[in-house]
Amino acid sequence: MHEDNDKKKKFSLFNQLSKSLGFEQEEQTTTEQTSNVIDFIEEKEKNKAQEGIKWLKAAADLGDTGAMNELAYSFLTGTGLPPNIVEGEYWLRQSAKLGNLWAMVDLAIRLLDGEILGKNSAEGEKWLRLAVDRRDSVATRILGYRLIHGDSLGQNIEEGVNWLRLAAEELNELVAMRLLGIYLIKGEHMEQHVEDGEYWLKRAAEAGEKVAMREWGKYLVRGL
């Protein structure tokens, strides 16, 4: 029943597209004929996706972590092909084990938040800290923020501030600059220092971080 309804929707869209292109369907063109066209198109797209998977797996089997990441993302999110959490997790873990920073951070966040994968805060923290040890700027900012707020990690404001400062001051991570600026201006989670806060918020804004641009503009108009 669901498949029939889906085909009816596609048939309607098919008719609308034909009319928009100036091709009025003749009366003898039946729903069944149109359905066959739709089935053909769907089968073609399916075969195309399967061909893509074949090549991605061939690259992944040779150790290419970029291909592993593509497979992980596609299977976990169902982008371009039916979702398969088990296979998606497998490829994400394989890439992370080989030291791919994107995979390490993505796996960490999914485990910390329980997003698609089962929640496992301890393992998520492990992967996040491994990425931080590699001086990944985003991982460093995320670790700092989550420690400050106790977000899926045990709250440790002092350690969190240290990581956030490192991300901003040494790794030039723009979101870290914006957060550090706001916290310093407001005196949240650290001693208030308005001048330093203005420096970091403005620096993030000037570098093009859009939320920082908004917050800096708002601050200049009416404060935070």
N, C-alpha and C. Protein backbone atom coordinates (compact mmCIF):
# COMPACT_ATOMS: atom_id res chain seq x y z
N MET A 1 0.84 -1.20 0.00
CA MET A 1 0.00 0.00 0.00
C MET A 1 0.87 1.25 0.00
N HIS A 2 1.90 1.24 0.85
CA HIS A 2 2.82 2.39 0.92
C HIS A 2 3.50 2.60 -0.42
N GLU A 3 3.91 1.49 -1.07
CA GLU A 3 4.59 1.58 -2.36
C GLU A 3 3.66 2.14 -3.43
N ASP A 4 2.36 1.74 -3.39
CA ASP A 4 1.39 2.25 -4.35
C ASP A 4 1.20 3.75 -4.19
N ASN A 5 1.07 4.20 -2.93
CA ASN A 5 0.92 5.63 -2.67
C ASN A 5 2.13 6.42 -3.14
N ASP A 6 3.31 5.81 -2.94
CA ASP A 6 4.54 6.46 -3.36
C ASP A 6 4.58 6.63 -4.87
N LYS A 7 4.12 5.61 -5.56
CA LYS A 7 4.11 5.68 -7.03
C LYS A 7 3.10 6.70 -7.53
N LYS A 8 1.95 6.81 -6.82
CA LYS A 8 0.96 7.81 -7.20
C LYS A 8 1.54 9.22 -7.09
N LYS A 9 2.29 9.45 -6.01
CA LYS A 9 2.92 10.76 -5.83
C LYS A 9 3.91 11.04 -6.96
N LYS A 10 4.71 10.02 -7.29
CA LYS A 10 5.70 10.18 -8.35
C LYS A 10 5.02 10.38 -9.71
N PHE A 11 3.88 9.68 -9.92
CA PHE A 11 3.12 9.83 -11.16
C PHE A 11 2.62 11.26 -11.29
N SER A 12 2.11 11.81 -10.17
CA SER A 12 1.63 13.19 -10.17
C SER A 12 2.75 14.16 -10.47
N LEU A 13 3.92 13.95 -9.85
CA LEU A 13 5.08 14.80 -10.11
C LEU A 13 5.54 14.68 -11.55
N PHE A 14 5.45 13.45 -12.08
CA PHE A 14 5.83 13.20 -13.46
C PHE A 14 4.96 14.01 -14.41
N ASN A 15 3.63 14.01 -14.14
CA ASN A 15 2.70 14.79 -14.97
C ASN A 15 2.99 16.28 -14.88
N GLN A 16 3.23 16.76 -13.64
CA GLN A 16 3.52 18.18 -13.45
C GLN A 16 4.77 18.59 -14.21
N LEU A 17 5.80 17.74 -14.15
CA LEU A 17 7.05 18.04 -14.84
C LEU A 17 6.83 18.07 -16.35
N SER A 18 6.04 17.12 -16.86
CA SER A 18 5.76 17.07 -18.30
C SER A 18 5.07 18.34 -18.76
N LYS A 19 4.07 18.79 -17.98
CA LYS A 19 3.34 20.00 -18.34
C LYS A 19 4.23 21.23 -18.28
N SER A 20 5.10 21.28 -17.26
CA SER A 20 5.98 22.44 -17.12
C SER A 20 6.95 22.54 -18.28
N LEU A 21 7.26 21.39 -18.90
CA LEU A 21 8.16 21.37 -20.05
C LEU A 21 7.42 21.51 -21.37
N GLY A 22 6.07 21.63 -21.29
CA GLY A 22 5.28 21.81 -22.49
C GLY A 22 4.88 20.52 -23.18
N PHE A 23 5.03 19.40 -22.48
CA PHE A 23 4.67 18.11 -23.06
C PHE A 23 3.41 17.60 -22.39
N GLU A 24 2.25 17.83 -23.01
CA GLU A 24 1.00 17.29 -22.48
C GLU A 24 0.93 15.81 -22.84
N GLN A 25 0.61 14.98 -21.87
CA GLN A 25 0.50 13.55 -22.13
C GLN A 25 -0.75 13.26 -22.95
N GLU A 26 -0.62 12.38 -23.92
CA GLU A 26 -1.77 11.95 -24.69
C GLU A 26 -2.66 11.07 -23.83
N GLU A 27 -3.94 11.01 -24.20
CA GLU A 27 -4.92 10.29 -23.39
C GLU A 27 -4.57 8.82 -23.23
N GLN A 28 -3.96 8.20 -24.27
CA GLN A 28 -3.69 6.78 -24.21
C GLN A 28 -2.51 6.43 -23.31
N THR A 29 -1.77 7.49 -22.87
CA THR A 29 -0.67 7.22 -21.94
C THR A 29 -1.25 6.84 -20.60
N THR A 30 -1.01 5.65 -20.17
CA THR A 30 -1.64 5.12 -18.96
C THR A 30 -0.75 5.30 -17.75
N THR A 31 -1.40 5.17 -16.59
CA THR A 31 -0.66 5.21 -15.33
C THR A 31 0.38 4.11 -15.28
N GLU A 32 0.03 2.96 -15.83
CA GLU A 32 0.95 1.82 -15.81
C GLU A 32 2.21 2.12 -16.62
N GLN A 33 2.04 2.78 -17.77
CA GLN A 33 3.19 3.12 -18.60
C GLN A 33 4.12 4.09 -17.87
N THR A 34 3.50 5.09 -17.25
CA THR A 34 4.28 6.06 -16.49
C THR A 34 4.99 5.39 -15.32
N SER A 35 4.27 4.45 -14.68
CA SER A 35 4.84 3.72 -13.56
C SER A 35 6.06 2.93 -14.01
N ASN A 36 5.98 2.36 -15.20
CA ASN A 36 7.12 1.60 -15.73
C ASN A 36 8.32 2.50 -15.96
N VAL A 37 8.06 3.72 -16.42
CA VAL A 37 9.14 4.68 -16.63
C VAL A 37 9.80 5.02 -15.29
N ILE A 38 8.96 5.25 -14.27
CA ILE A 38 9.47 5.57 -12.94
C ILE A 38 10.29 4.41 -12.38
N ASP A 39 9.78 3.18 -12.56
CA ASP A 39 10.51 1.99 -12.10
C ASP A 39 11.87 1.89 -12.78
N PHE A 40 11.90 2.20 -14.07
CA PHE A 40 13.15 2.14 -14.83
C PHE A 40 14.15 3.15 -14.28
N ILE A 41 13.67 4.37 -14.02
CA ILE A 41 14.54 5.42 -13.49
C ILE A 41 15.07 5.03 -12.11
N GLU A 42 14.17 4.49 -11.26
CA GLU A 42 14.59 4.08 -9.92
C GLU A 42 15.62 2.97 -9.98
N GLU A 43 15.42 2.01 -10.88
CA GLU A 43 16.36 0.90 -11.02
C GLU A 43 17.71 1.39 -11.52
N LYS A 44 17.68 2.37 -12.42
CA LYS A 44 18.91 2.94 -12.94
C LYS A 44 19.70 3.64 -11.83
N GLU A 45 18.98 4.41 -10.98
CA GLU A 45 19.63 5.10 -9.87
C GLU A 45 20.18 4.10 -8.85
N LYS A 46 19.44 3.02 -8.62
CA LYS A 46 19.88 1.99 -7.68
C LYS A 46 21.16 1.34 -8.19
N ASN A 47 21.19 1.00 -9.47
CA ASN A 47 22.38 0.39 -10.06
C ASN A 47 23.57 1.34 -10.00
N LYS A 48 23.30 2.62 -10.21
CA LYS A 48 24.35 3.64 -10.15
C LYS A 48 24.94 3.70 -8.75
N ALA A 49 24.06 3.67 -7.73
CA ALA A 49 24.52 3.71 -6.34
C ALA A 49 25.33 2.47 -6.00
N GLN A 50 24.87 1.30 -6.46
CA GLN A 50 25.59 0.06 -6.19
C GLN A 50 26.97 0.07 -6.84
N GLU A 51 27.06 0.65 -8.04
CA GLU A 51 28.35 0.78 -8.71
C GLU A 51 29.27 1.69 -7.89
N GLY A 52 28.70 2.77 -7.35
CA GLY A 52 29.48 3.68 -6.52
C GLY A 52 29.99 3.00 -5.26
N ILE A 53 29.14 2.21 -4.63
CA ILE A 53 29.53 1.48 -3.42
C ILE A 53 30.68 0.52 -3.73
N LYS A 54 30.58 -0.14 -4.88
CA LYS A 54 31.62 -1.09 -5.28
C LYS A 54 32.99 -0.39 -5.33
N TRP A 55 33.03 0.80 -5.94
CA TRP A 55 34.29 1.52 -6.07
C TRP A 55 34.77 2.07 -4.72
N LEU A 56 33.84 2.55 -3.92
CA LEU A 56 34.23 3.04 -2.59
C LEU A 56 34.81 1.92 -1.74
N LYS A 57 34.18 0.75 -1.80
CA LYS A 57 34.68 -0.39 -1.02
C LYS A 57 36.04 -0.85 -1.53
N ALA A 58 36.23 -0.78 -2.85
CA ALA A 58 37.52 -1.16 -3.41
C ALA A 58 38.62 -0.25 -2.88
N ALA A 59 38.33 1.06 -2.82
CA ALA A 59 39.31 2.02 -2.28
C ALA A 59 39.50 1.81 -0.78
N ALA A 60 38.39 1.56 -0.08
CA ALA A 60 38.46 1.35 1.37
C ALA A 60 39.27 0.11 1.70
N ASP A 61 39.11 -0.93 0.91
CA ASP A 61 39.86 -2.18 1.13
C ASP A 61 41.36 -1.98 0.94
N LEU A 62 41.72 -0.93 0.20
CA LEU A 62 43.13 -0.61 0.01
C LEU A 62 43.64 0.36 1.08
N GLY A 63 42.76 0.68 2.04
CA GLY A 63 43.18 1.52 3.17
C GLY A 63 42.88 2.99 3.02
N ASP A 64 42.08 3.38 2.02
CA ASP A 64 41.77 4.80 1.83
C ASP A 64 40.71 5.24 2.85
N THR A 65 41.10 6.07 3.80
CA THR A 65 40.16 6.47 4.86
C THR A 65 39.08 7.41 4.35
N GLY A 66 39.38 8.16 3.28
CA GLY A 66 38.35 9.02 2.70
C GLY A 66 37.18 8.20 2.18
N ALA A 67 37.49 7.08 1.52
CA ALA A 67 36.44 6.19 1.03
C ALA A 67 35.68 5.57 2.20
N MET A 68 36.40 5.21 3.25
CA MET A 68 35.75 4.67 4.45
C MET A 68 34.77 5.68 5.03
N ASN A 69 35.18 6.95 5.06
CA ASN A 69 34.31 8.00 5.60
C ASN A 69 33.06 8.17 4.74
N GLU A 70 33.22 8.10 3.42
CA GLU A 70 32.07 8.21 2.52
C GLU A 70 31.09 7.06 2.77
N LEU A 71 31.61 5.86 2.90
CA LEU A 71 30.76 4.70 3.17
C LEU A 71 30.06 4.85 4.52
N ALA A 72 30.82 5.26 5.52
CA ALA A 72 30.25 5.43 6.87
C ALA A 72 29.12 6.43 6.85
N TYR A 73 29.36 7.59 6.26
CA TYR A 73 28.34 8.64 6.22
C TYR A 73 27.10 8.19 5.45
N SER A 74 27.32 7.59 4.29
CA SER A 74 26.18 7.17 3.45
C SER A 74 25.34 6.11 4.15
N PHE A 75 25.99 5.12 4.74
CA PHE A 75 25.25 4.05 5.40
C PHE A 75 24.58 4.52 6.69
N LEU A 76 25.25 5.35 7.46
CA LEU A 76 24.68 5.81 8.73
C LEU A 76 23.51 6.76 8.53
N THR A 77 23.59 7.60 7.53
CA THR A 77 22.55 8.61 7.31
C THR A 77 21.54 8.23 6.23
N GLY A 78 21.84 7.15 5.49
CA GLY A 78 20.94 6.76 4.41
C GLY A 78 20.97 7.74 3.26
N THR A 79 22.11 8.36 3.05
CA THR A 79 22.26 9.33 1.96
C THR A 79 22.70 8.61 0.69
N GLY A 80 21.82 8.57 -0.29
CA GLY A 80 22.14 7.94 -1.57
C GLY A 80 21.90 6.45 -1.62
N LEU A 81 21.65 5.84 -0.46
CA LEU A 81 21.39 4.41 -0.40
C LEU A 81 20.68 4.08 0.91
N PRO A 82 20.07 2.89 1.00
CA PRO A 82 19.35 2.54 2.22
C PRO A 82 20.27 2.55 3.44
N PRO A 83 19.79 3.04 4.59
CA PRO A 83 20.64 3.07 5.78
C PRO A 83 21.02 1.67 6.26
N ASN A 84 22.23 1.55 6.74
CA ASN A 84 22.73 0.29 7.29
C ASN A 84 23.68 0.66 8.42
N ILE A 85 23.13 0.74 9.63
CA ILE A 85 23.91 1.24 10.77
C ILE A 85 25.11 0.35 11.08
N VAL A 86 24.92 -0.96 10.98
CA VAL A 86 26.01 -1.88 11.30
C VAL A 86 27.20 -1.65 10.36
N GLU A 87 26.92 -1.58 9.06
CA GLU A 87 28.01 -1.38 8.11
C GLU A 87 28.59 0.03 8.22
N GLY A 88 27.72 1.01 8.45
CA GLY A 88 28.20 2.38 8.60
C GLY A 88 29.14 2.52 9.79
N GLU A 89 28.76 1.91 10.91
CA GLU A 89 29.62 1.96 12.10
C GLU A 89 30.94 1.24 11.85
N TYR A 90 30.86 0.12 11.13
CA TYR A 90 32.08 -0.64 10.83
C TYR A 90 33.09 0.24 10.10
N TRP A 91 32.65 0.93 9.05
CA TRP A 91 33.58 1.73 8.26
C TRP A 91 34.06 2.97 9.03
N LEU A 92 33.19 3.54 9.86
CA LEU A 92 33.59 4.69 10.67
C LEU A 92 34.68 4.29 11.65
N ARG A 93 34.51 3.14 12.27
CA ARG A 93 35.51 2.66 13.23
C ARG A 93 36.83 2.30 12.54
N GLN A 94 36.72 1.69 11.36
CA GLN A 94 37.94 1.34 10.62
C GLN A 94 38.75 2.59 10.30
N SER A 95 38.07 3.64 9.86
CA SER A 95 38.76 4.89 9.53
C SER A 95 39.36 5.53 10.78
N ALA A 96 38.60 5.51 11.87
CA ALA A 96 39.10 6.08 13.13
C ALA A 96 40.33 5.33 13.64
N LYS A 97 40.29 4.00 13.53
CA LYS A 97 41.42 3.19 13.99
C LYS A 97 42.69 3.47 13.18
N LEU A 98 42.49 3.89 11.92
CA LEU A 98 43.63 4.22 11.07
C LEU A 98 44.10 5.66 11.28
N GLY A 99 43.45 6.37 12.21
CA GLY A 99 43.90 7.70 12.59
C GLY A 99 43.31 8.85 11.82
N ASN A 100 42.22 8.60 11.06
CA ASN A 100 41.59 9.70 10.34
C ASN A 100 40.87 10.60 11.34
N LEU A 101 41.25 11.87 11.38
CA LEU A 101 40.73 12.78 12.40
C LEU A 101 39.23 13.03 12.25
N TRP A 102 38.75 13.16 11.02
CA TRP A 102 37.31 13.37 10.83
C TRP A 102 36.53 12.20 11.43
N ALA A 103 36.99 10.99 11.15
CA ALA A 103 36.30 9.80 11.66
C ALA A 103 36.38 9.73 13.19
N MET A 104 37.52 10.06 13.74
CA MET A 104 37.69 10.02 15.19
C MET A 104 36.73 10.98 15.89
N VAL A 105 36.62 12.19 15.35
CA VAL A 105 35.74 13.19 15.96
C VAL A 105 34.28 12.83 15.75
N ASP A 106 33.94 12.38 14.53
CA ASP A 106 32.56 12.00 14.24
C ASP A 106 32.12 10.83 15.12
N LEU A 107 32.98 9.84 15.25
CA LEU A 107 32.67 8.69 16.10
C LEU A 107 32.50 9.13 17.55
N ALA A 108 33.39 10.00 18.01
CA ALA A 108 33.32 10.50 19.39
C ALA A 108 31.99 11.19 19.67
N ILE A 109 31.58 12.08 18.77
CA ILE A 109 30.34 12.83 18.98
C ILE A 109 29.13 11.91 18.95
N ARG A 110 29.12 10.97 18.00
CA ARG A 110 27.98 10.04 17.92
C ARG A 110 27.88 9.19 19.19
N LEU A 111 29.01 8.77 19.73
CA LEU A 111 29.00 7.97 20.96
C LEU A 111 28.62 8.82 22.17
N LEU A 112 29.08 10.04 22.23
CA LEU A 112 28.75 10.93 23.35
C LEU A 112 27.27 11.29 23.36
N ASP A 113 26.72 11.52 22.18
CA ASP A 113 25.32 11.97 22.09
C ASP A 113 24.33 10.84 21.86
N GLY A 114 24.84 9.64 21.54
CA GLY A 114 23.93 8.54 21.22
C GLY A 114 23.20 8.79 19.91
N GLU A 115 23.85 9.50 18.99
CA GLU A 115 23.24 9.82 17.70
C GLU A 115 23.50 8.69 16.71
N ILE A 116 22.46 7.96 16.36
CA ILE A 116 22.49 6.80 15.47
C ILE A 116 23.17 5.62 16.14
N LEU A 117 24.38 5.81 16.65
CA LEU A 117 25.06 4.75 17.40
C LEU A 117 24.61 4.80 18.86
N GLY A 118 24.79 3.68 19.56
CA GLY A 118 24.41 3.64 20.97
C GLY A 118 25.29 4.57 21.80
N LYS A 119 24.70 5.20 22.80
CA LYS A 119 25.44 6.15 23.64
C LYS A 119 26.48 5.42 24.48
N ASN A 120 27.70 5.91 24.45
CA ASN A 120 28.79 5.36 25.24
C ASN A 120 29.76 6.51 25.54
N SER A 121 29.47 7.22 26.63
CA SER A 121 30.23 8.44 26.95
C SER A 121 31.71 8.17 27.17
N ALA A 122 32.02 7.04 27.82
CA ALA A 122 33.43 6.74 28.11
C ALA A 122 34.22 6.53 26.83
N GLU A 123 33.66 5.75 25.91
CA GLU A 123 34.38 5.52 24.65
C GLU A 123 34.41 6.79 23.80
N GLY A 124 33.31 7.54 23.84
CA GLY A 124 33.28 8.79 23.09
C GLY A 124 34.35 9.75 23.57
N GLU A 125 34.53 9.85 24.88
CA GLU A 125 35.57 10.72 25.43
C GLU A 125 36.95 10.23 25.02
N LYS A 126 37.12 8.91 24.99
CA LYS A 126 38.42 8.35 24.59
C LYS A 126 38.79 8.79 23.18
N TRP A 127 37.85 8.65 22.25
CA TRP A 127 38.13 9.04 20.86
C TRP A 127 38.34 10.55 20.73
N LEU A 128 37.58 11.32 21.49
CA LEU A 128 37.72 12.77 21.42
C LEU A 128 39.10 13.19 21.92
N ARG A 129 39.54 12.61 23.01
CA ARG A 129 40.86 12.97 23.56
C ARG A 129 41.99 12.49 22.65
N LEU A 130 41.79 11.38 21.96
CA LEU A 130 42.81 10.92 21.00
C LEU A 130 42.97 11.94 19.87
N ALA A 131 41.84 12.50 19.41
CA ALA A 131 41.90 13.53 18.37
C ALA A 131 42.55 14.81 18.91
N VAL A 132 42.27 15.13 20.16
CA VAL A 132 42.88 16.31 20.79
C VAL A 132 44.39 16.12 20.91
N ASP A 133 44.81 14.90 21.24
CA ASP A 133 46.25 14.61 21.32
C ASP A 133 46.94 14.85 19.99
N ARG A 134 46.17 14.73 18.91
CA ARG A 134 46.71 14.98 17.56
C ARG A 134 46.58 16.46 17.18
N ARG A 135 46.15 17.28 18.14
CA ARG A 135 45.99 18.73 17.97
C ARG A 135 44.95 19.08 16.91
N ASP A 136 43.88 18.30 16.87
CA ASP A 136 42.76 18.66 16.00
C ASP A 136 42.02 19.83 16.64
N SER A 137 41.88 20.92 15.92
CA SER A 137 41.33 22.15 16.50
C SER A 137 39.86 22.00 16.90
N VAL A 138 39.07 21.34 16.06
CA VAL A 138 37.64 21.18 16.36
C VAL A 138 37.46 20.28 17.58
N ALA A 139 38.20 19.18 17.62
CA ALA A 139 38.11 18.27 18.77
C ALA A 139 38.50 18.98 20.06
N THR A 140 39.52 19.82 19.99
CA THR A 140 39.98 20.55 21.18
C THR A 140 38.91 21.51 21.68
N ARG A 141 38.27 22.21 20.74
CA ARG A 141 37.18 23.12 21.13
C ARG A 141 36.00 22.35 21.71
N ILE A 142 35.64 21.23 21.09
CA ILE A 142 34.50 20.43 21.56
C ILE A 142 34.78 19.89 22.96
N LEU A 143 35.99 19.39 23.18
CA LEU A 143 36.34 18.87 24.51
C LEU A 143 36.25 19.98 25.54
N GLY A 144 36.79 21.15 25.22
CA GLY A 144 36.72 22.27 26.15
C GLY A 144 35.29 22.65 26.48
N TYR A 145 34.47 22.80 25.46
CA TYR A 145 33.08 23.21 25.66
C TYR A 145 32.32 22.18 26.49
N ARG A 146 32.49 20.91 26.18
CA ARG A 146 31.73 19.87 26.89
C ARG A 146 32.18 19.72 28.34
N LEU A 147 33.46 19.92 28.60
CA LEU A 147 33.93 19.87 29.98
C LEU A 147 33.40 21.07 30.78
N ILE A 148 33.36 22.23 30.16
CA ILE A 148 32.84 23.42 30.83
C ILE A 148 31.38 23.24 31.20
N HIS A 149 30.60 22.67 30.28
CA HIS A 149 29.16 22.56 30.49
C HIS A 149 28.72 21.20 31.04
N GLY A 150 29.65 20.26 31.18
CA GLY A 150 29.27 18.93 31.64
C GLY A 150 28.35 18.24 30.65
N ASP A 151 28.60 18.46 29.37
CA ASP A 151 27.76 17.91 28.31
C ASP A 151 28.27 16.53 27.90
N SER A 152 27.64 15.49 28.44
CA SER A 152 28.01 14.08 28.20
C SER A 152 29.38 13.72 28.75
N LEU A 153 30.01 14.65 29.44
CA LEU A 153 31.28 14.42 30.13
C LEU A 153 31.16 14.96 31.54
N GLY A 154 31.97 14.43 32.46
CA GLY A 154 31.97 14.98 33.80
C GLY A 154 32.44 16.43 33.77
N GLN A 155 31.69 17.32 34.42
CA GLN A 155 32.03 18.74 34.35
C GLN A 155 33.36 19.03 35.03
N ASN A 156 34.21 19.75 34.32
CA ASN A 156 35.50 20.18 34.85
C ASN A 156 35.81 21.52 34.18
N ILE A 157 35.32 22.59 34.81
CA ILE A 157 35.40 23.91 34.19
C ILE A 157 36.84 24.35 33.96
N GLU A 158 37.69 24.12 34.94
CA GLU A 158 39.09 24.56 34.81
C GLU A 158 39.77 23.90 33.62
N GLU A 159 39.62 22.58 33.50
CA GLU A 159 40.24 21.88 32.37
C GLU A 159 39.60 22.32 31.05
N GLY A 160 38.28 22.48 31.09
CA GLY A 160 37.57 22.89 29.88
C GLY A 160 38.04 24.24 29.36
N VAL A 161 38.23 25.19 30.27
CA VAL A 161 38.71 26.52 29.89
C VAL A 161 40.10 26.42 29.27
N ASN A 162 40.94 25.58 29.85
CA ASN A 162 42.30 25.42 29.31
C ASN A 162 42.27 24.92 27.87
N TRP A 163 41.40 23.92 27.60
CA TRP A 163 41.30 23.39 26.24
C TRP A 163 40.70 24.42 25.29
N LEU A 164 39.72 25.16 25.77
CA LEU A 164 39.09 26.18 24.92
C LEU A 164 40.10 27.26 24.56
N ARG A 165 40.89 27.67 25.53
CA ARG A 165 41.92 28.68 25.26
C ARG A 165 42.96 28.14 24.26
N LEU A 166 43.33 26.89 24.42
CA LEU A 166 44.30 26.30 23.50
C LEU A 166 43.76 26.29 22.07
N ALA A 167 42.48 25.92 21.94
CA ALA A 167 41.86 25.89 20.61
C ALA A 167 41.85 27.27 19.97
N ALA A 168 41.58 28.29 20.78
CA ALA A 168 41.51 29.66 20.26
C ALA A 168 42.89 30.26 20.04
N GLU A 169 43.75 30.15 21.04
CA GLU A 169 45.02 30.87 21.03
C GLU A 169 46.09 30.22 20.15
N GLU A 170 46.15 28.89 20.15
CA GLU A 170 47.21 28.20 19.42
C GLU A 170 46.73 27.56 18.12
N LEU A 171 45.47 27.07 18.13
CA LEU A 171 44.98 26.34 16.96
C LEU A 171 44.08 27.19 16.07
N ASN A 172 43.83 28.43 16.49
CA ASN A 172 43.07 29.39 15.67
C ASN A 172 41.69 28.87 15.26
N GLU A 173 41.02 28.18 16.17
CA GLU A 173 39.68 27.66 15.89
C GLU A 173 38.66 28.77 16.13
N LEU A 174 37.92 29.13 15.09
CA LEU A 174 37.09 30.34 15.14
C LEU A 174 35.94 30.25 16.14
N VAL A 175 35.29 29.10 16.23
CA VAL A 175 34.18 28.97 17.19
C VAL A 175 34.72 29.09 18.62
N ALA A 176 35.91 28.53 18.85
CA ALA A 176 36.54 28.66 20.17
C ALA A 176 36.82 30.12 20.49
N MET A 177 37.27 30.89 19.51
CA MET A 177 37.50 32.32 19.72
C MET A 177 36.20 33.02 20.11
N ARG A 178 35.13 32.69 19.40
CA ARG A 178 33.84 33.32 19.70
C ARG A 178 33.35 32.97 21.10
N LEU A 179 33.43 31.69 21.46
CA LEU A 179 32.99 31.27 22.80
C LEU A 179 33.84 31.91 23.88
N LEU A 180 35.15 31.91 23.68
CA LEU A 180 36.06 32.51 24.66
C LEU A 180 35.74 33.99 24.83
N GLY A 181 35.49 34.67 23.72
CA GLY A 181 35.15 36.09 23.78
C GLY A 181 33.89 36.35 24.58
N ILE A 182 32.85 35.58 24.31
CA ILE A 182 31.57 35.76 25.02
C ILE A 182 31.72 35.46 26.50
N TYR A 183 32.41 34.37 26.83
CA TYR A 183 32.59 34.01 28.24
C TYR A 183 33.36 35.09 29.00
N LEU A 184 34.39 35.64 28.36
CA LEU A 184 35.19 36.68 29.02
C LEU A 184 34.40 37.97 29.20
N ILE A 185 33.63 38.35 28.20
CA ILE A 185 32.82 39.57 28.30
C ILE A 185 31.78 39.44 29.41
N LYS A 186 31.14 38.27 29.47
CA LYS A 186 30.08 38.06 30.45
C LYS A 186 30.59 37.62 31.82
N GLY A 187 31.83 37.14 31.85
CA GLY A 187 32.34 36.59 33.10
C GLY A 187 31.72 35.24 33.41
N GLU A 188 31.38 34.48 32.37
CA GLU A 188 30.80 33.15 32.55
C GLU A 188 31.91 32.09 32.50
N HIS A 189 31.93 31.21 33.50
CA HIS A 189 32.85 30.07 33.56
C HIS A 189 34.31 30.49 33.78
N MET A 190 34.58 31.78 33.80
CA MET A 190 35.94 32.28 34.01
C MET A 190 35.84 33.72 34.50
N GLU A 191 36.96 34.22 34.99
CA GLU A 191 36.97 35.60 35.49
C GLU A 191 36.68 36.58 34.35
N GLN A 192 35.83 37.55 34.64
CA GLN A 192 35.45 38.52 33.62
C GLN A 192 36.63 39.39 33.21
N HIS A 193 36.79 39.55 31.89
CA HIS A 193 37.81 40.44 31.36
C HIS A 193 37.28 40.94 30.03
N VAL A 194 36.58 42.08 30.10
CA VAL A 194 35.85 42.59 28.94
C VAL A 194 36.76 42.89 27.76
N GLU A 195 37.89 43.51 28.02
CA GLU A 195 38.79 43.89 26.92
C GLU A 195 39.28 42.66 26.15
N ASP A 196 39.70 41.63 26.88
CA ASP A 196 40.15 40.39 26.22
C ASP A 196 38.99 39.73 25.47
N GLY A 197 37.82 39.76 26.09
CA GLY A 197 36.65 39.17 25.45
C GLY A 197 36.31 39.86 24.14
N GLU A 198 36.39 41.19 24.15
CA GLU A 198 36.13 41.95 22.92
C GLU A 198 37.14 41.58 21.84
N TYR A 199 38.38 41.40 22.24
CA TYR A 199 39.43 41.04 21.28
C TYR A 199 39.10 39.73 20.57
N TRP A 200 38.73 38.71 21.36
CA TRP A 200 38.49 37.39 20.77
C TRP A 200 37.20 37.35 19.95
N LEU A 201 36.16 37.99 20.44
CA LEU A 201 34.90 37.99 19.70
C LEU A 201 35.06 38.75 18.38
N LYS A 202 35.73 39.88 18.43
CA LYS A 202 35.96 40.68 17.22
C LYS A 202 36.85 39.92 16.24
N ARG A 203 37.86 39.25 16.76
CA ARG A 203 38.77 38.50 15.89
C ARG A 203 38.03 37.39 15.14
N ALA A 204 37.15 36.68 15.85
CA ALA A 204 36.36 35.63 15.20
C ALA A 204 35.43 36.22 14.15
N ALA A 205 34.84 37.37 14.47
CA ALA A 205 33.94 38.03 13.53
C ALA A 205 34.69 38.48 12.28
N GLU A 206 35.84 39.08 12.47
CA GLU A 206 36.64 39.56 11.33
C GLU A 206 37.13 38.42 10.45
N ALA A 207 37.24 37.22 11.05
CA ALA A 207 37.68 36.05 10.28
C ALA A 207 36.52 35.39 9.54
N GLY A 208 35.29 35.91 9.76
CA GLY A 208 34.15 35.42 8.99
C GLY A 208 33.28 34.40 9.68
N GLU A 209 33.47 34.16 10.97
CA GLU A 209 32.60 33.23 11.70
C GLU A 209 31.25 33.92 11.89
N LYS A 210 30.22 33.40 11.21
CA LYS A 210 28.97 34.17 11.09
C LYS A 210 28.26 34.41 12.42
N VAL A 211 28.30 33.45 13.33
CA VAL A 211 27.66 33.68 14.63
C VAL A 211 28.42 34.75 15.40
N ALA A 212 29.75 34.72 15.29
CA ALA A 212 30.57 35.76 15.93
C ALA A 212 30.26 37.13 15.33
N MET A 213 30.05 37.18 14.03
CA MET A 213 29.71 38.44 13.37
C MET A 213 28.40 38.99 13.94
N ARG A 214 27.42 38.10 14.10
CA ARG A 214 26.13 38.51 14.66
C ARG A 214 26.28 38.97 16.10
N GLU A 215 27.00 38.18 16.91
CA GLU A 215 27.16 38.50 18.33
C GLU A 215 27.97 39.78 18.54
N TRP A 216 28.99 39.98 17.70
CA TRP A 216 29.80 41.20 17.81
C TRP A 216 28.96 42.42 17.44
N GLY A 217 28.18 42.29 16.38
CA GLY A 217 27.29 43.39 15.99
C GLY A 217 26.28 43.70 17.07
N LYS A 218 25.67 42.66 17.62
CA LYS A 218 24.69 42.85 18.70
C LYS A 218 25.34 43.49 19.91
N TYR A 219 26.55 43.03 20.22
CA TYR A 219 27.27 43.58 21.38
C TYR A 219 27.53 45.07 21.21
N LEU A 220 27.93 45.46 20.02
CA LEU A 220 28.21 46.88 19.76
C LEU A 220 26.95 47.73 19.85
N VAL A 221 25.82 47.15 19.46
CA VAL A 221 24.55 47.89 19.47
C VAL A 221 23.95 47.96 20.87
N ARG A 222 23.89 46.82 21.55
CA ARG A 222 23.17 46.80 22.84
C ARG A 222 23.78 45.87 23.89
N GLY A 223 24.97 45.37 23.62
CA GLY A 223 25.60 44.48 24.58
C GLY A 223 25.12 43.05 24.42
N LEU A 224 25.74 42.14 25.16
CA LEU A 224 25.37 40.72 25.07
C LEU A 224 24.34 40.37 26.13
